[in-house]
Amino acid sequence: MTEYGLLLKGVGSFYEVLTDAGESITCKAKGAFRRAGLVPTVGDRVGIERQPSGYAQLREILPRRNLSVRPAVANIDQLLIVVSASAPAPDWMLMDRLIIASMRMGVTPIPILNKIDEGDEQTRALFAREYHAFETLCVSAETGEGLNRLSEKLPGKVTCFAGQSAVGKSSILNALFPDLHLKTGGLSEKTERGRHTTRHAELWPYAGGAVLDTPGFSLFETECLEQNELDACYPEFRTAEPCRFPGCMHISEPDCGVKPLLLIGALTEERYARYVEIAKDYQMRRKHRYD
């Protein structure tokens, strides 16, 4: 009899599956997956069959809603993108690129400012202005401020944490799930760069959903986007008047509907400057995509 569940972890040729009945079972994948070039991935909905002896067999991978290659995780519902209010300094460009990548995957991005107990009001106000078009959260893994609101976002969702190293992703998870005891890396004194501490992708069940701490990555790779696809990743643009020219890049074109947003404060100068850099990058990719 086939049972269905969520693939939580894979180590070597063994996979841990949480069945819909709430039982954790260790499985081995059937050889047909390897021959077909399919790799069972954390987050997959799978079908398994228990065997008279030995490990249960992972026999079916259900269709995926989305798939991230780095880190390898499937069926993400929301991406919690964490920056620090103190050190390391917030990487707003990384935040913007992660937002674009998540929205292209059909994943809801939620920007999070951590370490608000250490940061100043200026950083907090900048964060609020830059990402006013998104639902945002300000938290402190140290004091617990904001963690109740964050935990309310998790039930029934597969949630992925992302961001620079040392911004406190593992600390947030340790605060939410004390039994995890995840290692936290801190900063190198010489470089103030975070040391990667999470080594593999693993989901932890939570209230009908699951949470994943991503393994020390800093950027999803996104395919070459057309201009209209990039525009769709900026909620601020939805309030703009139509541009005069189709495919307007909102940089130097006349009668652009987006640039007036700067004058009324609906789009900050800083976020717009990063947008211009990103738009030019995708324009270059489009020019050379067939090289």
C-alpha atoms as a PDB file:
ATOM      1  CA  MET A   1       0.000   0.000   0.000  1.00  0.00           C
ATOM      2  CA  THR A   2       1.349   3.411  -0.963  1.00  0.00           C
ATOM      3  CA  GLU A   3       1.618   6.012   1.775  1.00  0.00           C
ATOM      4  CA  TYR A   4       2.314   9.673   1.099  1.00  0.00           C
ATOM      5  CA  GLY A   5       4.373  12.200   2.965  1.00  0.00           C
ATOM      6  CA  LEU A   6       6.975  14.977   2.983  1.00  0.00           C
ATOM      7  CA  LEU A   7      10.673  14.310   2.332  1.00  0.00           C
ATOM      8  CA  LEU A   8      12.502  15.937   5.243  1.00  0.00           C
ATOM      9  CA  LYS A   9      16.130  14.944   4.725  1.00  0.00           C
ATOM     10  CA  GLY A  10      18.413  12.965   2.444  1.00  0.00           C
ATOM     11  CA  VAL A  11      21.803  11.580   3.482  1.00  0.00           C
ATOM     12  CA  GLY A  12      23.587   9.400   0.954  1.00  0.00           C
ATOM     13  CA  SER A  13      21.054   6.940  -0.421  1.00  0.00           C
ATOM     14  CA  PHE A  14      18.745   7.220   2.609  1.00  0.00           C
ATOM     15  CA  TYR A  15      15.751   9.536   2.919  1.00  0.00           C
ATOM     16  CA  GLU A  16      13.660  10.520   5.918  1.00  0.00           C
ATOM     17  CA  VAL A  17       9.974  10.932   5.116  1.00  0.00           C
ATOM     18  CA  LEU A  18       7.275  12.288   7.417  1.00  0.00           C
ATOM     19  CA  THR A  19       4.081  10.485   6.440  1.00  0.00           C
ATOM     20  CA  ASP A  20       0.713  12.204   6.401  1.00  0.00           C
ATOM     21  CA  ALA A  21      -0.093  10.077   9.443  1.00  0.00           C
ATOM     22  CA  GLY A  22       2.753  11.784  11.336  1.00  0.00           C
ATOM     23  CA  GLU A  23       5.258   8.898  11.335  1.00  0.00           C
ATOM     24  CA  SER A  24       8.923   9.413  10.434  1.00  0.00           C
ATOM     25  CA  ILE A  25      10.198   6.610   8.161  1.00  0.00           C
ATOM     26  CA  THR A  26      13.646   5.978   6.679  1.00  0.00           C
ATOM     27  CA  CYS A  27      13.476   4.978   3.004  1.00  0.00           C
ATOM     28  CA  LYS A  28      15.677   4.013   0.095  1.00  0.00           C
ATOM     29  CA  ALA A  29      14.818   5.257  -3.402  1.00  0.00           C
ATOM     30  CA  LYS A  30      14.107   2.761  -6.150  1.00  0.00           C
ATOM     31  CA  GLY A  31      16.708   2.508  -8.900  1.00  0.00           C
ATOM     32  CA  ALA A  32      14.322   3.837 -11.548  1.00  0.00           C
ATOM     33  CA  PHE A  33      14.833   7.376 -10.234  1.00  0.00           C
ATOM     34  CA  ARG A  34      18.572   7.200 -10.876  1.00  0.00           C
ATOM     35  CA  ARG A  35      18.083   5.734 -14.349  1.00  0.00           C
ATOM     36  CA  ALA A  36      15.598   8.502 -15.167  1.00  0.00           C
ATOM     37  CA  GLY A  37      17.926  11.212 -13.844  1.00  0.00           C
ATOM     38  CA  LEU A  38      15.514  12.120 -11.035  1.00  0.00           C
ATOM     39  CA  VAL A  39      16.830  13.080  -7.614  1.00  0.00           C
ATOM     40  CA  PRO A  40      14.482  13.002  -4.598  1.00  0.00           C
ATOM     41  CA  THR A  41      14.733  16.453  -3.031  1.00  0.00           C
ATOM     42  CA  VAL A  42      13.970  17.893   0.376  1.00  0.00           C
ATOM     43  CA  GLY A  43      10.436  19.290   0.230  1.00  0.00           C
ATOM     44  CA  ASP A  44       9.179  16.705  -2.257  1.00  0.00           C
ATOM     45  CA  ARG A  45       5.794  15.124  -1.720  1.00  0.00           C
ATOM     46  CA  VAL A  46       6.540  11.437  -2.165  1.00  0.00           C
ATOM     47  CA  GLY A  47       4.886   8.048  -2.187  1.00  0.00           C
ATOM     48  CA  ILE A  48       6.495   5.223  -0.229  1.00  0.00           C
ATOM     49  CA  GLU A  49       5.806   1.537   0.297  1.00  0.00           C
ATOM     50  CA  ARG A  50       6.878  -0.450   3.334  1.00  0.00           C
ATOM     51  CA  GLN A  51       8.731  -3.674   2.641  1.00  0.00           C
ATOM     52  CA  PRO A  52       8.359  -7.028   4.440  1.00  0.00           C
ATOM     53  CA  SER A  53      11.970  -6.609   5.530  1.00  0.00           C
ATOM     54  CA  GLY A  54      14.500  -3.811   5.369  1.00  0.00           C
ATOM     55  CA  TYR A  55      13.879  -0.169   4.610  1.00  0.00           C
ATOM     56  CA  ALA A  56      10.713   1.223   3.079  1.00  0.00           C
ATOM     57  CA  GLN A  57      10.985   2.091  -0.599  1.00  0.00           C
ATOM     58  CA  LEU A  58      10.524   5.580  -1.990  1.00  0.00           C
ATOM     59  CA  ARG A  59       8.565   4.839  -5.157  1.00  0.00           C
ATOM     60  CA  GLU A  60       6.985   8.091  -6.358  1.00  0.00           C
ATOM     61  CA  ILE A  61       7.801  11.800  -6.536  1.00  0.00           C
ATOM     62  CA  LEU A  62       4.676  13.913  -6.942  1.00  0.00           C
ATOM     63  CA  PRO A  63       4.732  16.905  -9.338  1.00  0.00           C
ATOM     64  CA  ARG A  64       6.611  19.881  -7.917  1.00  0.00           C
ATOM     65  CA  ARG A  65       5.240  23.417  -7.697  1.00  0.00           C
ATOM     66  CA  ASN A  66       8.777  24.799  -7.781  1.00  0.00           C
ATOM     67  CA  LEU A  67      12.375  23.685  -7.362  1.00  0.00           C
ATOM     68  CA  SER A  68      15.419  25.574  -6.146  1.00  0.00           C
ATOM     69  CA  VAL A  69      18.724  24.128  -7.312  1.00  0.00           C
ATOM     70  CA  ARG A  70      20.962  25.900  -4.777  1.00  0.00           C
ATOM     71  CA  PRO A  71      19.992  24.953  -2.156  1.00  0.00           C
ATOM     72  CA  ALA A  72      18.147  21.871  -3.409  1.00  0.00           C
ATOM     73  CA  VAL A  73      14.612  22.183  -2.029  1.00  0.00           C
ATOM     74  CA  ALA A  74      11.197  21.734  -3.626  1.00  0.00           C
ATOM     75  CA  ASN A  75       7.719  23.137  -3.082  1.00  0.00           C
ATOM     76  CA  ILE A  76       8.695  26.255  -1.133  1.00  0.00           C
ATOM     77  CA  ASP A  77       5.748  28.429  -0.085  1.00  0.00           C
ATOM     78  CA  GLN A  78       7.598  31.403   1.361  1.00  0.00           C
ATOM     79  CA  LEU A  79      11.131  32.754   1.579  1.00  0.00           C
ATOM     80  CA  LEU A  80      12.078  34.654   4.737  1.00  0.00           C
ATOM     81  CA  ILE A  81      14.989  36.877   3.661  1.00  0.00           C
ATOM     82  CA  VAL A  82      17.021  37.974   6.666  1.00  0.00           C
ATOM     83  CA  VAL A  83      19.331  40.978   6.989  1.00  0.00           C
ATOM     84  CA  SER A  84      21.002  42.309  10.108  1.00  0.00           C
ATOM     85  CA  ALA A  85      20.343  45.654  11.762  1.00  0.00           C
ATOM     86  CA  SER A  86      23.951  45.699  13.002  1.00  0.00           C
ATOM     87  CA  ALA A  87      26.779  43.505  11.680  1.00  0.00           C
ATOM     88  CA  PRO A  88      27.146  42.368   8.992  1.00  0.00           C
ATOM     89  CA  ALA A  89      25.848  45.485   7.285  1.00  0.00           C
ATOM     90  CA  PRO A  90      22.613  44.839   5.368  1.00  0.00           C
ATOM     91  CA  ASP A  91      23.166  43.691   1.791  1.00  0.00           C
ATOM     92  CA  TRP A  92      20.159  45.357   0.177  1.00  0.00           C
ATOM     93  CA  MET A  93      21.192  44.225  -3.327  1.00  0.00           C
ATOM     94  CA  LEU A  94      21.149  40.609  -2.172  1.00  0.00           C
ATOM     95  CA  MET A  95      17.725  41.209  -0.645  1.00  0.00           C
ATOM     96  CA  ASP A  96      16.422  42.599  -3.959  1.00  0.00           C
ATOM     97  CA  ARG A  97      17.827  39.723  -6.004  1.00  0.00           C
ATOM     98  CA  LEU A  98      16.413  37.130  -3.615  1.00  0.00           C
ATOM     99  CA  ILE A  99      13.015  38.807  -3.823  1.00  0.00           C
ATOM    100  CA  ILE A 100      13.139  38.621  -7.622  1.00  0.00           C
ATOM    101  CA  ALA A 101      14.214  34.978  -7.602  1.00  0.00           C
ATOM    102  CA  SER A 102      11.525  33.969  -5.116  1.00  0.00           C
ATOM    103  CA  MET A 103       8.741  35.753  -6.982  1.00  0.00           C
ATOM    104  CA  ARG A 104       9.833  34.113 -10.241  1.00  0.00           C
ATOM    105  CA  MET A 105       9.422  30.739  -8.493  1.00  0.00           C
ATOM    106  CA  GLY A 106       5.959  31.612  -7.214  1.00  0.00           C
ATOM    107  CA  VAL A 107       7.300  31.895  -3.660  1.00  0.00           C
ATOM    108  CA  THR A 108       6.161  34.666  -1.287  1.00  0.00           C
ATOM    109  CA  PRO A 109       9.126  36.799  -0.110  1.00  0.00           C
ATOM    110  CA  ILE A 110       9.070  38.214   3.430  1.00  0.00           C
ATOM    111  CA  PRO A 111      11.961  40.610   4.230  1.00  0.00           C
ATOM    112  CA  ILE A 112      13.133  40.326   7.847  1.00  0.00           C
ATOM    113  CA  LEU A 113      15.361  42.681   9.836  1.00  0.00           C
ATOM    114  CA  ASN A 114      17.057  40.769  12.672  1.00  0.00           C
ATOM    115  CA  LYS A 115      19.223  42.006  15.574  1.00  0.00           C
ATOM    116  CA  ILE A 116      17.010  45.036  16.144  1.00  0.00           C
ATOM    117  CA  ASP A 117      18.231  45.016  19.748  1.00  0.00           C
ATOM    118  CA  GLU A 118      21.684  45.977  18.395  1.00  0.00           C
ATOM    119  CA  GLY A 119      20.717  48.228  15.487  1.00  0.00           C
ATOM    120  CA  ASP A 120      19.717  51.875  15.424  1.00  0.00           C
ATOM    121  CA  GLU A 121      16.427  53.476  14.478  1.00  0.00           C
ATOM    122  CA  GLN A 122      17.942  54.793  11.246  1.00  0.00           C
ATOM    123  CA  THR A 123      18.515  51.265   9.901  1.00  0.00           C
ATOM    124  CA  ARG A 124      15.047  50.192  10.967  1.00  0.00           C
ATOM    125  CA  ALA A 125      13.462  53.217   9.275  1.00  0.00           C
ATOM    126  CA  LEU A 126      15.477  52.611   6.082  1.00  0.00           C
ATOM    127  CA  PHE A 127      14.342  48.979   6.016  1.00  0.00           C
ATOM    128  CA  ALA A 128      10.709  50.073   6.374  1.00  0.00           C
ATOM    129  CA  ARG A 129      11.021  52.617   3.546  1.00  0.00           C
ATOM    130  CA  GLU A 130      12.883  50.319   1.160  1.00  0.00           C
ATOM    131  CA  TYR A 131      10.407  47.440   1.470  1.00  0.00           C
ATOM    132  CA  HIS A 132       7.115  49.172   2.247  1.00  0.00           C
ATOM    133  CA  ALA A 133       5.499  47.295  -0.681  1.00  0.00           C
ATOM    134  CA  PHE A 134       6.090  43.945   1.076  1.00  0.00           C
ATOM    135  CA  GLU A 135       5.018  42.421   4.341  1.00  0.00           C
ATOM    136  CA  THR A 136       8.078  42.827   6.572  1.00  0.00           C
ATOM    137  CA  LEU A 137       9.095  41.755  10.053  1.00  0.00           C
ATOM    138  CA  CYS A 138      11.541  43.256  12.572  1.00  0.00           C
ATOM    139  CA  VAL A 139      12.823  40.720  15.087  1.00  0.00           C
ATOM    140  CA  SER A 140      15.487  39.967  17.645  1.00  0.00           C
ATOM    141  CA  ALA A 141      16.570  36.373  18.152  1.00  0.00           C
ATOM    142  CA  GLU A 142      18.331  37.573  21.308  1.00  0.00           C
ATOM    143  CA  THR A 143      15.400  39.249  23.089  1.00  0.00           C
ATOM    144  CA  GLY A 144      12.537  37.454  21.343  1.00  0.00           C
ATOM    145  CA  GLU A 145      10.972  40.681  20.061  1.00  0.00           C
ATOM    146  CA  GLY A 146       8.874  40.041  16.959  1.00  0.00           C
ATOM    147  CA  LEU A 147       9.259  36.256  17.051  1.00  0.00           C
ATOM    148  CA  ASN A 148       5.591  35.672  17.881  1.00  0.00           C
ATOM    149  CA  ARG A 149       4.566  37.465  14.692  1.00  0.00           C
ATOM    150  CA  LEU A 150       7.155  35.479  12.740  1.00  0.00           C
ATOM    151  CA  SER A 151       5.931  32.151  14.145  1.00  0.00           C
ATOM    152  CA  GLU A 152       2.392  33.028  13.040  1.00  0.00           C
ATOM    153  CA  LYS A 153       3.599  32.939   9.415  1.00  0.00           C
ATOM    154  CA  LEU A 154       4.837  29.340   9.593  1.00  0.00           C
ATOM    155  CA  PRO A 155       1.851  26.971  10.118  1.00  0.00           C
ATOM    156  CA  GLY A 156       0.875  25.000   7.036  1.00  0.00           C
ATOM    157  CA  LYS A 157       3.728  26.445   4.944  1.00  0.00           C
ATOM    158  CA  VAL A 158       7.079  25.161   3.714  1.00  0.00           C
ATOM    159  CA  THR A 159       9.290  28.055   4.739  1.00  0.00           C
ATOM    160  CA  CYS A 160      12.866  28.706   3.688  1.00  0.00           C
ATOM    161  CA  PHE A 161      15.220  31.103   5.492  1.00  0.00           C
ATOM    162  CA  ALA A 162      17.808  32.881   3.347  1.00  0.00           C
ATOM    163  CA  GLY A 163      20.330  35.693   3.527  1.00  0.00           C
ATOM    164  CA  GLN A 164      23.946  36.488   4.281  1.00  0.00           C
ATOM    165  CA  SER A 165      25.858  34.373   6.738  1.00  0.00           C
ATOM    166  CA  ALA A 166      25.916  35.676  10.335  1.00  0.00           C
ATOM    167  CA  VAL A 167      22.658  37.636  10.021  1.00  0.00           C
ATOM    168  CA  GLY A 168      21.141  35.253  12.547  1.00  0.00           C
ATOM    169  CA  LYS A 169      19.075  32.753  10.547  1.00  0.00           C
ATOM    170  CA  SER A 170      20.125  29.834  12.748  1.00  0.00           C
ATOM    171  CA  SER A 171      19.718  31.968  15.883  1.00  0.00           C
ATOM    172  CA  ILE A 172      16.135  32.747  14.892  1.00  0.00           C
ATOM    173  CA  LEU A 173      15.439  29.050  14.358  1.00  0.00           C
ATOM    174  CA  ASN A 174      17.043  28.168  17.690  1.00  0.00           C
ATOM    175  CA  ALA A 175      14.792  30.733  19.369  1.00  0.00           C
ATOM    176  CA  LEU A 176      11.710  29.304  17.651  1.00  0.00           C
ATOM    177  CA  PHE A 177      12.735  25.652  18.092  1.00  0.00           C
ATOM    178  CA  PRO A 178      14.986  25.277  21.175  1.00  0.00           C
ATOM    179  CA  ASP A 179      15.413  21.528  20.593  1.00  0.00           C
ATOM    180  CA  LEU A 180      17.254  22.086  17.296  1.00  0.00           C
ATOM    181  CA  HIS A 181      20.514  23.358  18.863  1.00  0.00           C
ATOM    182  CA  LEU A 182      21.787  24.643  15.515  1.00  0.00           C
ATOM    183  CA  LYS A 183      25.345  25.941  15.406  1.00  0.00           C
ATOM    184  CA  THR A 184      25.736  29.681  15.014  1.00  0.00           C
ATOM    185  CA  GLY A 185      28.800  31.092  13.336  1.00  0.00           C
ATOM    186  CA  GLY A 186      29.198  34.736  14.231  1.00  0.00           C
ATOM    187  CA  LEU A 187      31.640  36.956  12.354  1.00  0.00           C
ATOM    188  CA  SER A 188      35.279  36.604  11.492  1.00  0.00           C
ATOM    189  CA  GLU A 189      37.092  39.386  13.373  1.00  0.00           C
ATOM    190  CA  LYS A 190      39.347  40.063  10.392  1.00  0.00           C
ATOM    191  CA  THR A 191      36.750  40.225   7.638  1.00  0.00           C
ATOM    192  CA  GLU A 192      33.401  40.653   9.417  1.00  0.00           C
ATOM    193  CA  ARG A 193      32.112  37.967   7.051  1.00  0.00           C
ATOM    194  CA  GLY A 194      29.941  35.248   8.457  1.00  0.00           C
ATOM    195  CA  ARG A 195      31.248  31.714   8.723  1.00  0.00           C
ATOM    196  CA  HIS A 196      28.902  29.181   7.132  1.00  0.00           C
ATOM    197  CA  THR A 197      27.494  26.872   9.778  1.00  0.00           C
ATOM    198  CA  THR A 198      24.608  24.998   8.131  1.00  0.00           C
ATOM    199  CA  ARG A 199      25.958  22.135   6.008  1.00  0.00           C
ATOM    200  CA  HIS A 200      22.930  20.398   4.516  1.00  0.00           C
ATOM    201  CA  ALA A 201      19.327  21.092   3.664  1.00  0.00           C
ATOM    202  CA  GLU A 202      16.879  19.648   6.165  1.00  0.00           C
ATOM    203  CA  LEU A 203      13.239  20.382   6.906  1.00  0.00           C
ATOM    204  CA  TRP A 204      11.853  20.510  10.435  1.00  0.00           C
ATOM    205  CA  PRO A 205       8.098  19.865  10.769  1.00  0.00           C
ATOM    206  CA  TYR A 206       6.096  22.674  12.345  1.00  0.00           C
ATOM    207  CA  ALA A 207       2.324  23.039  12.768  1.00  0.00           C
ATOM    208  CA  GLY A 208       1.340  21.298   9.567  1.00  0.00           C
ATOM    209  CA  GLY A 209       4.206  22.861   7.620  1.00  0.00           C
ATOM    210  CA  ALA A 210       7.986  22.701   7.726  1.00  0.00           C
ATOM    211  CA  VAL A 211      10.945  25.049   8.094  1.00  0.00           C
ATOM    212  CA  LEU A 212      14.313  24.861   6.361  1.00  0.00           C
ATOM    213  CA  ASP A 213      17.529  26.627   7.260  1.00  0.00           C
ATOM    214  CA  THR A 214      19.441  26.962   4.002  1.00  0.00           C
ATOM    215  CA  PRO A 215      23.045  25.709   3.857  1.00  0.00           C
ATOM    216  CA  GLY A 216      25.216  28.798   3.732  1.00  0.00           C
ATOM    217  CA  PHE A 217      24.176  30.072   0.318  1.00  0.00           C
ATOM    218  CA  SER A 218      23.960  33.711  -0.625  1.00  0.00           C
ATOM    219  CA  LEU A 219      22.131  33.936  -3.952  1.00  0.00           C
ATOM    220  CA  PHE A 220      19.610  32.082  -6.053  1.00  0.00           C
ATOM    221  CA  GLU A 221      20.561  32.063  -9.719  1.00  0.00           C
ATOM    222  CA  THR A 222      17.735  33.465 -11.831  1.00  0.00           C
ATOM    223  CA  GLU A 223      17.293  32.847 -15.536  1.00  0.00           C
ATOM    224  CA  CYS A 224      17.418  35.652 -18.065  1.00  0.00           C
ATOM    225  CA  LEU A 225      14.277  37.729 -17.474  1.00  0.00           C
ATOM    226  CA  GLU A 226      12.362  39.740 -20.012  1.00  0.00           C
ATOM    227  CA  GLN A 227      11.606  43.319 -18.961  1.00  0.00           C
ATOM    228  CA  ASN A 228       7.929  42.637 -18.227  1.00  0.00           C
ATOM    229  CA  GLU A 229       8.944  39.685 -16.012  1.00  0.00           C
ATOM    230  CA  LEU A 230      11.352  41.888 -14.068  1.00  0.00           C
ATOM    231  CA  ASP A 231       8.691  44.596 -13.705  1.00  0.00           C
ATOM    232  CA  ALA A 232       6.335  42.031 -12.144  1.00  0.00           C
ATOM    233  CA  CYS A 233       8.861  41.491  -9.330  1.00  0.00           C
ATOM    234  CA  TYR A 234       8.534  45.130  -8.186  1.00  0.00           C
ATOM    235  CA  PRO A 235       5.151  45.632  -6.491  1.00  0.00           C
ATOM    236  CA  GLU A 236       5.826  49.384  -6.380  1.00  0.00           C
ATOM    237  CA  PHE A 237       5.525  49.522 -10.173  1.00  0.00           C
ATOM    238  CA  ARG A 238       1.886  48.399 -10.040  1.00  0.00           C
ATOM    239  CA  THR A 239       0.839  51.883  -8.933  1.00  0.00           C
ATOM    240  CA  ALA A 240       2.642  53.573 -11.847  1.00  0.00           C
ATOM    241  CA  GLU A 241       0.961  55.119 -14.851  1.00  0.00           C
ATOM    242  CA  PRO A 242       1.488  53.206 -18.140  1.00  0.00           C
ATOM    243  CA  CYS A 243       4.800  53.931 -19.850  1.00  0.00           C
ATOM    244  CA  ARG A 244       4.771  55.462 -23.309  1.00  0.00           C
ATOM    245  CA  PHE A 245       6.875  52.692 -24.854  1.00  0.00           C
ATOM    246  CA  PRO A 246       6.324  48.904 -24.529  1.00  0.00           C
ATOM    247  CA  GLY A 247       9.309  47.238 -22.865  1.00  0.00           C
ATOM    248  CA  CYS A 248      10.329  50.494 -21.152  1.00  0.00           C
ATOM    249  CA  MET A 249      13.341  49.881 -18.880  1.00  0.00           C
ATOM    250  CA  HIS A 250      12.424  52.904 -16.704  1.00  0.00           C
ATOM    251  CA  ILE A 251      15.926  54.338 -16.991  1.00  0.00           C
ATOM    252  CA  SER A 252      16.290  56.925 -19.777  1.00  0.00           C
ATOM    253  CA  GLU A 253      13.096  56.502 -21.814  1.00  0.00           C
ATOM    254  CA  PRO A 254      10.765  59.527 -22.157  1.00  0.00           C
ATOM    255  CA  ASP A 255       7.284  59.474 -20.632  1.00  0.00           C
ATOM    256  CA  CYS A 256       8.133  56.613 -18.255  1.00  0.00           C
ATOM    257  CA  GLY A 257       5.415  55.855 -15.719  1.00  0.00           C
ATOM    258  CA  VAL A 258       7.766  54.445 -13.077  1.00  0.00           C
ATOM    259  CA  LYS A 259      10.208  57.313 -12.523  1.00  0.00           C
ATOM    260  CA  PRO A 260       7.503  59.670 -11.148  1.00  0.00           C
ATOM    261  CA  LEU A 261       7.161  57.205  -8.240  1.00  0.00           C
ATOM    262  CA  LEU A 262      10.459  58.626  -6.961  1.00  0.00           C
ATOM    263  CA  LEU A 263       8.928  62.072  -6.645  1.00  0.00           C
ATOM    264  CA  ILE A 264       6.049  60.913  -4.450  1.00  0.00           C
ATOM    265  CA  GLY A 265       8.124  58.564  -2.290  1.00  0.00           C
ATOM    266  CA  ALA A 266       6.499  55.361  -3.561  1.00  0.00           C
ATOM    267  CA  LEU A 267       9.960  54.169  -4.638  1.00  0.00           C
ATOM    268  CA  THR A 268      13.164  55.136  -2.823  1.00  0.00           C
ATOM    269  CA  GLU A 269      16.189  56.492  -4.676  1.00  0.00           C
ATOM    270  CA  GLU A 270      18.321  53.678  -3.224  1.00  0.00           C
ATOM    271  CA  ARG A 271      16.033  50.847  -4.298  1.00  0.00           C
ATOM    272  CA  TYR A 272      15.612  52.457  -7.729  1.00  0.00           C
ATOM    273  CA  ALA A 273      19.418  52.681  -8.167  1.00  0.00           C
ATOM    274  CA  ARG A 274      19.700  48.969  -7.400  1.00  0.00           C
ATOM    275  CA  TYR A 275      16.848  48.278  -9.815  1.00  0.00           C
ATOM    276  CA  VAL A 276      18.751  50.102 -12.594  1.00  0.00           C
ATOM    277  CA  GLU A 277      21.819  47.927 -11.969  1.00  0.00           C
ATOM    278  CA  ILE A 278      19.710  44.766 -12.026  1.00  0.00           C
ATOM    279  CA  ALA A 279      17.787  45.840 -15.147  1.00  0.00           C
ATOM    280  CA  LYS A 280      21.012  46.556 -17.036  1.00  0.00           C
ATOM    281  CA  ASP A 281      22.372  43.180 -15.976  1.00  0.00           C
ATOM    282  CA  TYR A 282      19.334  41.390 -17.416  1.00  0.00           C
ATOM    283  CA  GLN A 283      19.501  43.537 -20.550  1.00  0.00           C
ATOM    284  CA  MET A 284      23.095  42.358 -21.065  1.00  0.00           C
ATOM    285  CA  ARG A 285      22.078  38.745 -20.474  1.00  0.00           C
ATOM    286  CA  ARG A 286      19.324  39.043 -23.068  1.00  0.00           C
ATOM    287  CA  LYS A 287      21.771  40.410 -25.624  1.00  0.00           C
ATOM    288  CA  HIS A 288      24.182  37.515 -25.117  1.00  0.00           C
ATOM    289  CA  ARG A 289      21.824  34.657 -24.321  1.00  0.00           C
ATOM    290  CA  TYR A 290      22.480  32.944 -27.672  1.00  0.00           C
ATOM    291  CA  ASP A 291      26.253  33.574 -27.769  1.00  0.00           C
END
